[in-house]
């Protein structure tokens, strides 16, 4: 039986060298060329996941699953000390707004 929800499911996870994105039942992984801060990679995974959702022309609610509190707080517009995380979160917020995602 399919999972019932009020939005498109987007799961992300990251390590310092890899990111994984699951949108509905499609899974993608990405590898970095060098080790980076795990919160930065998680925020990039969120950005890529939201880009994937926008590419599918989805509008409406998206249910985002991430285990990085820092990335999620930055996405909410809260202050973040890591510039890379804050920059990625700002880009993601612009994608969400321009594609009418919630």
Protein backbone atom coordinates (compact mmCIF):
# COMPACT_ATOMS: atom_id res chain seq x y z
CA UNK A 1 0.00 0.00 0.00
CA UNK A 2 1.46 3.43 -0.92
CA UNK A 3 2.36 5.83 1.85
CA UNK A 4 -0.34 8.48 2.27
CA UNK A 5 0.83 12.02 2.90
CA UNK A 6 -0.08 15.61 2.33
CA UNK A 7 2.97 16.29 0.17
CA UNK A 8 5.76 14.97 -1.99
CA UNK A 9 8.31 13.06 0.13
CA UNK A 10 11.95 14.17 -0.14
CA UNK A 11 14.59 12.40 1.99
CA UNK A 12 18.23 13.53 2.16
CA UNK A 13 21.32 12.32 3.97
CA UNK A 14 25.02 13.08 3.76
CA UNK A 15 28.53 12.21 4.84
CA UNK A 16 31.56 14.50 4.40
CA UNK A 17 32.12 12.97 0.93
CA UNK A 18 28.68 11.85 -0.30
CA UNK A 19 25.07 12.98 -0.51
CA UNK A 20 21.95 10.90 -1.13
CA UNK A 21 18.52 12.09 -2.22
CA UNK A 22 15.28 10.11 -2.38
CA UNK A 23 12.30 11.83 -4.01
CA UNK A 24 9.28 9.54 -3.95
CA UNK A 25 10.93 6.32 -5.16
CA UNK A 26 13.85 7.77 -7.17
CA UNK A 27 17.25 7.59 -5.48
CA UNK A 28 20.32 9.61 -6.47
CA UNK A 29 23.78 9.85 -4.95
CA UNK A 30 26.51 12.44 -5.41
CA UNK A 31 30.18 12.33 -4.47
CA UNK A 32 32.33 15.33 -3.59
CA UNK A 33 35.90 15.63 -4.83
CA UNK A 34 37.15 16.46 -1.37
CA UNK A 35 36.01 16.07 2.20
CA UNK A 36 33.69 18.89 3.33
CA UNK A 37 31.66 19.78 6.39
CA UNK A 38 28.83 17.26 6.72
CA UNK A 39 26.23 19.98 7.38
CA UNK A 40 27.32 21.72 4.18
CA UNK A 41 26.88 18.49 2.19
CA UNK A 42 23.48 17.88 3.84
CA UNK A 43 22.37 21.41 2.90
CA UNK A 44 23.55 20.83 -0.68
CA UNK A 45 21.59 17.55 -0.70
CA UNK A 46 18.48 19.49 0.36
CA UNK A 47 19.13 22.03 -2.39
CA UNK A 48 19.53 19.26 -4.99
CA UNK A 49 16.41 17.48 -3.71
CA UNK A 50 14.35 20.66 -3.99
CA UNK A 51 15.76 21.27 -7.48
CA UNK A 52 14.64 17.74 -8.40
CA UNK A 53 11.15 18.47 -7.07
CA UNK A 54 11.03 21.75 -9.03
CA UNK A 55 12.30 20.00 -12.18
CA UNK A 56 9.32 17.65 -11.91
CA UNK A 57 7.07 20.76 -12.02
CA UNK A 58 5.62 19.86 -8.62
CA UNK A 59 3.81 22.66 -6.84
CA UNK A 60 2.44 22.38 -3.37
CA UNK A 61 3.65 20.77 -0.17
CA UNK A 62 6.99 18.97 0.06
CA UNK A 63 7.78 16.92 3.14
CA UNK A 64 11.53 17.20 3.69
CA UNK A 65 13.35 14.65 5.85
CA UNK A 66 16.87 15.52 7.06
CA UNK A 67 18.83 14.69 10.19
CA UNK A 68 20.85 17.93 10.11
CA UNK A 69 19.35 20.44 12.54
CA UNK A 70 21.81 23.07 11.28
CA UNK A 71 20.69 22.63 7.66
CA UNK A 72 17.01 22.71 8.61
CA UNK A 73 17.44 25.82 10.79
CA UNK A 74 19.33 27.58 7.97
CA UNK A 75 16.55 26.61 5.57
CA UNK A 76 14.07 28.27 7.94
CA UNK A 77 16.12 31.47 7.63
CA UNK A 78 17.71 31.28 11.07
CA UNK A 79 21.26 32.53 11.59
CA UNK A 80 24.01 30.09 10.63
CA UNK A 81 27.74 30.50 11.29
CA UNK A 82 28.81 28.38 8.30
CA UNK A 83 28.72 30.54 5.18
CA UNK A 84 28.46 27.55 2.80
CA UNK A 85 25.41 26.25 4.68
CA UNK A 86 23.78 29.70 4.81
CA UNK A 87 24.41 30.29 1.09
CA UNK A 88 22.96 26.93 0.04
CA UNK A 89 19.93 27.45 2.30
CA UNK A 90 19.34 30.91 0.78
CA UNK A 91 19.45 29.45 -2.75
CA UNK A 92 17.05 26.70 -1.68
CA UNK A 93 14.60 29.22 -0.22
CA UNK A 94 14.63 31.09 -3.55
CA UNK A 95 13.91 27.83 -5.44
CA UNK A 96 11.04 27.03 -3.06
CA UNK A 97 9.53 30.50 -3.45
CA UNK A 98 9.90 30.69 -7.24
CA UNK A 99 8.34 27.24 -7.72
CA UNK A 100 5.45 27.71 -5.28
CA UNK A 101 6.59 24.86 -3.05
CA UNK A 102 5.57 24.76 0.60
